[in-house]
C-alpha atoms as a PDB file:
ATOM      1  CA  UNK A   1      24.173   0.099 -10.952  1.00  0.00           C
ATOM      2  CA  UNK A   2      21.514   1.787  -8.845  1.00  0.00           C
ATOM      3  CA  UNK A   3      20.253   5.188  -9.808  1.00  0.00           C
ATOM      4  CA  UNK A   4      19.169   7.603  -7.114  1.00  0.00           C
ATOM      5  CA  UNK A   5      16.770  10.516  -7.093  1.00  0.00           C
ATOM      6  CA  UNK A   6      15.655  13.270  -4.738  1.00  0.00           C
ATOM      7  CA  UNK A   7      12.159  13.709  -3.348  1.00  0.00           C
ATOM      8  CA  UNK A   8      11.132  17.196  -2.276  1.00  0.00           C
ATOM      9  CA  UNK A   9       9.136  17.346   0.954  1.00  0.00           C
ATOM     10  CA  UNK A  10       8.454  20.083   3.475  1.00  0.00           C
ATOM     11  CA  UNK A  11      10.851  20.461   6.380  1.00  0.00           C
ATOM     12  CA  UNK A  12       8.088  19.385   8.788  1.00  0.00           C
ATOM     13  CA  UNK A  13       7.543  16.155   6.853  1.00  0.00           C
ATOM     14  CA  UNK A  14      11.283  15.507   6.710  1.00  0.00           C
ATOM     15  CA  UNK A  15      11.633  16.011  10.466  1.00  0.00           C
ATOM     16  CA  UNK A  16       8.742  13.632  11.145  1.00  0.00           C
ATOM     17  CA  UNK A  17      10.243  11.001   8.831  1.00  0.00           C
ATOM     18  CA  UNK A  18      13.675  11.399  10.446  1.00  0.00           C
ATOM     19  CA  UNK A  19      12.168  10.538  13.839  1.00  0.00           C
ATOM     20  CA  UNK A  20      10.555   7.408  12.418  1.00  0.00           C
ATOM     21  CA  UNK A  21      13.550   6.400  10.297  1.00  0.00           C
ATOM     22  CA  UNK A  22      16.010   5.930  13.124  1.00  0.00           C
ATOM     23  CA  UNK A  23      19.322   4.442  11.928  1.00  0.00           C
ATOM     24  CA  UNK A  24      17.916   2.873   8.748  1.00  0.00           C
ATOM     25  CA  UNK A  25      18.954   4.175   5.357  1.00  0.00           C
ATOM     26  CA  UNK A  26      16.412   6.338   3.562  1.00  0.00           C
ATOM     27  CA  UNK A  27      16.096   3.695   0.872  1.00  0.00           C
ATOM     28  CA  UNK A  28      15.292   0.821   3.233  1.00  0.00           C
ATOM     29  CA  UNK A  29      13.030   3.002   5.397  1.00  0.00           C
ATOM     30  CA  UNK A  30      10.922   4.259   2.485  1.00  0.00           C
ATOM     31  CA  UNK A  31      10.801   0.784   0.934  1.00  0.00           C
ATOM     32  CA  UNK A  32       9.550  -0.591   4.270  1.00  0.00           C
ATOM     33  CA  UNK A  33       6.807   2.055   4.405  1.00  0.00           C
ATOM     34  CA  UNK A  34       5.777   1.372   0.795  1.00  0.00           C
ATOM     35  CA  UNK A  35       5.658  -2.409   1.299  1.00  0.00           C
ATOM     36  CA  UNK A  36       3.618  -1.997   4.489  1.00  0.00           C
ATOM     37  CA  UNK A  37       1.119   0.181   2.620  1.00  0.00           C
ATOM     38  CA  UNK A  38       0.843  -2.373  -0.193  1.00  0.00           C
ATOM     39  CA  UNK A  39       0.189  -5.136   2.357  1.00  0.00           C
ATOM     40  CA  UNK A  40      -2.456  -2.996   4.068  1.00  0.00           C
ATOM     41  CA  UNK A  41      -4.248  -2.314   0.774  1.00  0.00           C
ATOM     42  CA  UNK A  42      -4.140  -5.995  -0.207  1.00  0.00           C
ATOM     43  CA  UNK A  43      -5.642  -6.933   3.152  1.00  0.00           C
ATOM     44  CA  UNK A  44      -8.496  -4.475   2.634  1.00  0.00           C
ATOM     45  CA  UNK A  45      -9.162  -5.870  -0.846  1.00  0.00           C
ATOM     46  CA  UNK A  46      -9.115  -9.467   0.478  1.00  0.00           C
ATOM     47  CA  UNK A  47     -11.597  -8.528   3.204  1.00  0.00           C
ATOM     48  CA  UNK A  48     -13.913  -6.890   0.668  1.00  0.00           C
ATOM     49  CA  UNK A  49     -13.700  -9.958  -1.579  1.00  0.00           C
ATOM     50  CA  UNK A  50     -14.488 -12.231   1.371  1.00  0.00           C
ATOM     51  CA  UNK A  51     -17.581 -10.123   2.093  1.00  0.00           C
ATOM     52  CA  UNK A  52     -18.696 -10.505  -1.517  1.00  0.00           C
ATOM     53  CA  UNK A  53     -18.163 -14.255  -1.419  1.00  0.00           C
ATOM     54  CA  UNK A  54     -20.319 -14.519   1.693  1.00  0.00           C
ATOM     55  CA  UNK A  55     -23.295 -12.921  -0.096  1.00  0.00           C
ATOM     56  CA  UNK A  56     -25.945 -15.037  -1.746  1.00  0.00           C
ATOM     57  CA  UNK A  57     -25.279 -15.617  -5.437  1.00  0.00           C
ATOM     58  CA  UNK A  58     -28.236 -13.434  -6.414  1.00  0.00           C
ATOM     59  CA  UNK A  59     -26.820 -10.464  -4.505  1.00  0.00           C
ATOM     60  CA  UNK A  60     -23.460 -10.437  -6.287  1.00  0.00           C
ATOM     61  CA  UNK A  61     -23.142  -8.469  -9.503  1.00  0.00           C
ATOM     62  CA  UNK A  62     -19.849  -9.023 -11.318  1.00  0.00           C
ATOM     63  CA  UNK A  63     -18.695  -6.253 -13.609  1.00  0.00           C
ATOM     64  CA  UNK A  64     -16.982  -7.081 -16.899  1.00  0.00           C
ATOM     65  CA  UNK A  65     -13.549  -5.925 -15.710  1.00  0.00           C
ATOM     66  CA  UNK A  66     -13.768  -8.140 -12.634  1.00  0.00           C
ATOM     67  CA  UNK A  67     -14.244 -11.300 -14.702  1.00  0.00           C
ATOM     68  CA  UNK A  68     -10.568 -11.191 -15.708  1.00  0.00           C
ATOM     69  CA  UNK A  69      -9.509 -11.766 -12.107  1.00  0.00           C
END
């Protein structure tokens, strides 16, 4: 059984979201936005990691927390 909740936003924000939402349900629309943001952040992290991997070994300093990944 799904549980639902309310999110309080300003009327201006709600109106803007309504225009973007179209005929989708609020749940699917907000999930789509959240998943797109996660993908965007992962892409940025991948690009930063690729930059690090392109550096000479002597230029890369790995912090202790990064060794776990």
